[in-house]
């Protein structure tokens, strides 16, 4: 698994690049960075880019659900950018766990994802 995080606009936007399969231990890197951005900004937006992404193992999926429940009111928008049809279904699957607006974009539309995440 590879996770790369970067902050944009002073931490208001967090970009997460994922490849491989997410495991429970991967959340030890991701969660503190996102919580730092939330603490600094109150609410944030997340751009999640998935390249050669293979999903979560079961313990990681549980970590993701717990994170979403804890921070559902702190994330305004989530743009999911991927290259596989099943990834678009993830946006629908995630909706009950967050109050964020969620949209899926194909990798060829990554510029549109960045534009949407930055809109007022």
C-alpha atoms as a PDB file:
ATOM      1  CA  UNK A   1       0.000   0.000   0.000  1.00  0.00           C
ATOM      2  CA  UNK A   2       1.154   3.474  -0.780  1.00  0.00           C
ATOM      3  CA  UNK A   3      -0.450   6.539   0.788  1.00  0.00           C
ATOM      4  CA  UNK A   4       0.715  10.046  -0.050  1.00  0.00           C
ATOM      5  CA  UNK A   5      -0.805  13.050   1.695  1.00  0.00           C
ATOM      6  CA  UNK A   6      -0.467  16.710   0.885  1.00  0.00           C
ATOM      7  CA  UNK A   7      -2.218  19.806   2.155  1.00  0.00           C
ATOM      8  CA  UNK A   8      -3.432  22.608  -0.092  1.00  0.00           C
ATOM      9  CA  UNK A   9      -4.830  26.055   0.728  1.00  0.00           C
ATOM     10  CA  UNK A  10      -3.283  26.084   4.208  1.00  0.00           C
ATOM     11  CA  UNK A  11      -4.700  22.663   5.088  1.00  0.00           C
ATOM     12  CA  UNK A  12      -8.278  23.435   4.028  1.00  0.00           C
ATOM     13  CA  UNK A  13      -7.910  20.844   1.245  1.00  0.00           C
ATOM     14  CA  UNK A  14      -6.227  17.501   1.853  1.00  0.00           C
ATOM     15  CA  UNK A  15      -5.132  15.382  -1.092  1.00  0.00           C
ATOM     16  CA  UNK A  16      -4.788  11.657  -0.497  1.00  0.00           C
ATOM     17  CA  UNK A  17      -3.223   9.409  -3.138  1.00  0.00           C
ATOM     18  CA  UNK A  18      -3.857   5.688  -2.673  1.00  0.00           C
ATOM     19  CA  UNK A  19      -2.526   2.640  -4.468  1.00  0.00           C
ATOM     20  CA  UNK A  20      -2.547  -1.014  -3.529  1.00  0.00           C
ATOM     21  CA  UNK A  21      -4.725  -2.321  -0.707  1.00  0.00           C
ATOM     22  CA  UNK A  22      -5.431  -0.401   2.511  1.00  0.00           C
ATOM     23  CA  UNK A  23      -4.638  -2.131   5.803  1.00  0.00           C
ATOM     24  CA  UNK A  24      -5.510  -1.100   9.360  1.00  0.00           C
ATOM     25  CA  UNK A  25      -1.957   0.155  10.039  1.00  0.00           C
ATOM     26  CA  UNK A  26      -2.193   2.575   7.095  1.00  0.00           C
ATOM     27  CA  UNK A  27      -4.665   4.634   9.131  1.00  0.00           C
ATOM     28  CA  UNK A  28      -1.881   5.501  11.605  1.00  0.00           C
ATOM     29  CA  UNK A  29      -0.400   7.738   8.880  1.00  0.00           C
ATOM     30  CA  UNK A  30      -3.593   9.070   7.372  1.00  0.00           C
ATOM     31  CA  UNK A  31      -5.737   9.885  10.424  1.00  0.00           C
ATOM     32  CA  UNK A  32      -3.297  12.164  12.335  1.00  0.00           C
ATOM     33  CA  UNK A  33      -2.660  14.295   9.233  1.00  0.00           C
ATOM     34  CA  UNK A  34      -6.367  14.736   8.539  1.00  0.00           C
ATOM     35  CA  UNK A  35      -7.148  15.444  12.205  1.00  0.00           C
ATOM     36  CA  UNK A  36      -4.407  18.097  12.224  1.00  0.00           C
ATOM     37  CA  UNK A  37      -6.040  19.806   9.228  1.00  0.00           C
ATOM     38  CA  UNK A  38      -9.455  19.590  10.926  1.00  0.00           C
ATOM     39  CA  UNK A  39      -8.070  21.094  14.140  1.00  0.00           C
ATOM     40  CA  UNK A  40      -6.548  23.989  12.194  1.00  0.00           C
ATOM     41  CA  UNK A  41      -9.505  24.668   9.882  1.00  0.00           C
ATOM     42  CA  UNK A  42     -12.645  23.271  11.503  1.00  0.00           C
ATOM     43  CA  UNK A  43     -13.929  21.827   8.228  1.00  0.00           C
ATOM     44  CA  UNK A  44     -11.908  20.475   5.349  1.00  0.00           C
ATOM     45  CA  UNK A  45     -12.329  19.044   1.874  1.00  0.00           C
ATOM     46  CA  UNK A  46     -10.672  15.859   0.665  1.00  0.00           C
ATOM     47  CA  UNK A  47      -9.494  14.896  -2.806  1.00  0.00           C
ATOM     48  CA  UNK A  48      -8.868  11.147  -2.886  1.00  0.00           C
ATOM     49  CA  UNK A  49      -6.955   9.880  -5.916  1.00  0.00           C
ATOM     50  CA  UNK A  50      -6.946   6.120  -6.389  1.00  0.00           C
ATOM     51  CA  UNK A  51      -4.384   4.590  -8.739  1.00  0.00           C
ATOM     52  CA  UNK A  52      -4.190   0.797  -9.007  1.00  0.00           C
ATOM     53  CA  UNK A  53      -6.295   0.738  -5.822  1.00  0.00           C
ATOM     54  CA  UNK A  54      -7.490  -2.645  -4.551  1.00  0.00           C
ATOM     55  CA  UNK A  55      -9.755  -1.535  -1.695  1.00  0.00           C
ATOM     56  CA  UNK A  56      -9.553  -2.310   1.987  1.00  0.00           C
ATOM     57  CA  UNK A  57      -8.986  -5.421   4.037  1.00  0.00           C
ATOM     58  CA  UNK A  58     -11.722  -5.945   6.652  1.00  0.00           C
ATOM     59  CA  UNK A  59      -9.866  -4.339   9.626  1.00  0.00           C
ATOM     60  CA  UNK A  60      -9.061  -1.289   7.454  1.00  0.00           C
ATOM     61  CA  UNK A  61     -12.683  -0.993   6.351  1.00  0.00           C
ATOM     62  CA  UNK A  62     -13.694  -0.935  10.026  1.00  0.00           C
ATOM     63  CA  UNK A  63     -11.107   1.819  10.701  1.00  0.00           C
ATOM     64  CA  UNK A  64     -12.530   3.795   7.790  1.00  0.00           C
ATOM     65  CA  UNK A  65     -16.098   3.497   9.079  1.00  0.00           C
ATOM     66  CA  UNK A  66     -15.001   4.603  12.581  1.00  0.00           C
ATOM     67  CA  UNK A  67     -13.111   7.574  11.107  1.00  0.00           C
ATOM     68  CA  UNK A  68     -16.122   8.584   9.009  1.00  0.00           C
ATOM     69  CA  UNK A  69     -18.461   8.425  12.003  1.00  0.00           C
ATOM     70  CA  UNK A  70     -16.105  10.466  14.184  1.00  0.00           C
ATOM     71  CA  UNK A  71     -15.454  13.165  11.577  1.00  0.00           C
ATOM     72  CA  UNK A  72     -18.624  13.153   9.464  1.00  0.00           C
ATOM     73  CA  UNK A  73     -19.350  16.800  10.310  1.00  0.00           C
ATOM     74  CA  UNK A  74     -15.768  18.002   9.723  1.00  0.00           C
ATOM     75  CA  UNK A  75     -15.497  17.080   6.052  1.00  0.00           C
ATOM     76  CA  UNK A  76     -17.483  19.248   3.632  1.00  0.00           C
ATOM     77  CA  UNK A  77     -16.686  17.557   0.324  1.00  0.00           C
ATOM     78  CA  UNK A  78     -14.963  14.424  -0.878  1.00  0.00           C
ATOM     79  CA  UNK A  79     -13.895  14.109  -4.503  1.00  0.00           C
ATOM     80  CA  UNK A  80     -12.973  10.530  -5.380  1.00  0.00           C
ATOM     81  CA  UNK A  81     -10.853  10.140  -8.502  1.00  0.00           C
ATOM     82  CA  UNK A  82     -10.347   6.628  -9.818  1.00  0.00           C
ATOM     83  CA  UNK A  83      -9.790   4.400 -12.768  1.00  0.00           C
ATOM     84  CA  UNK A  84     -12.141   1.482 -12.126  1.00  0.00           C
ATOM     85  CA  UNK A  85     -15.897   1.249 -12.388  1.00  0.00           C
ATOM     86  CA  UNK A  86     -16.266  -0.326  -8.903  1.00  0.00           C
ATOM     87  CA  UNK A  87     -14.609   2.747  -7.366  1.00  0.00           C
ATOM     88  CA  UNK A  88     -17.549   4.892  -8.465  1.00  0.00           C
ATOM     89  CA  UNK A  89     -19.758   2.670  -6.298  1.00  0.00           C
ATOM     90  CA  UNK A  90     -17.602   3.594  -3.300  1.00  0.00           C
ATOM     91  CA  UNK A  91     -18.984   7.136  -3.412  1.00  0.00           C
ATOM     92  CA  UNK A  92     -22.500   5.746  -3.016  1.00  0.00           C
ATOM     93  CA  UNK A  93     -21.397   3.303  -0.298  1.00  0.00           C
ATOM     94  CA  UNK A  94     -19.761   6.103   1.757  1.00  0.00           C
ATOM     95  CA  UNK A  95     -22.741   8.494   1.749  1.00  0.00           C
ATOM     96  CA  UNK A  96     -24.552   7.058   4.811  1.00  0.00           C
ATOM     97  CA  UNK A  97     -21.400   7.473   6.919  1.00  0.00           C
ATOM     98  CA  UNK A  98     -20.775  11.163   6.285  1.00  0.00           C
ATOM     99  CA  UNK A  99     -22.593  14.454   5.829  1.00  0.00           C
ATOM    100  CA  UNK A 100     -20.038  15.477   3.182  1.00  0.00           C
ATOM    101  CA  UNK A 101     -20.981  15.963  -0.434  1.00  0.00           C
ATOM    102  CA  UNK A 102     -19.320  13.106  -2.332  1.00  0.00           C
ATOM    103  CA  UNK A 103     -18.655  12.849  -6.054  1.00  0.00           C
ATOM    104  CA  UNK A 104     -16.756  10.317  -8.122  1.00  0.00           C
ATOM    105  CA  UNK A 105     -14.645  11.414 -11.095  1.00  0.00           C
ATOM    106  CA  UNK A 106     -12.891   9.233 -13.626  1.00  0.00           C
ATOM    107  CA  UNK A 107      -9.132   9.754 -13.732  1.00  0.00           C
ATOM    108  CA  UNK A 108      -9.463  11.581 -17.060  1.00  0.00           C
ATOM    109  CA  UNK A 109     -11.620  14.153 -15.244  1.00  0.00           C
ATOM    110  CA  UNK A 110      -9.195  14.885 -12.398  1.00  0.00           C
ATOM    111  CA  UNK A 111      -9.092  18.591 -13.324  1.00  0.00           C
ATOM    112  CA  UNK A 112     -12.878  18.754 -12.879  1.00  0.00           C
ATOM    113  CA  UNK A 113     -12.502  17.057  -9.476  1.00  0.00           C
ATOM    114  CA  UNK A 114      -9.997  19.691  -8.365  1.00  0.00           C
ATOM    115  CA  UNK A 115     -12.301  22.450  -9.597  1.00  0.00           C
ATOM    116  CA  UNK A 116     -15.310  20.976  -7.758  1.00  0.00           C
ATOM    117  CA  UNK A 117     -13.399  20.515  -4.493  1.00  0.00           C
ATOM    118  CA  UNK A 118     -12.297  24.186  -4.588  1.00  0.00           C
ATOM    119  CA  UNK A 119     -15.712  25.708  -5.416  1.00  0.00           C
ATOM    120  CA  UNK A 120     -17.261  27.887  -2.697  1.00  0.00           C
END
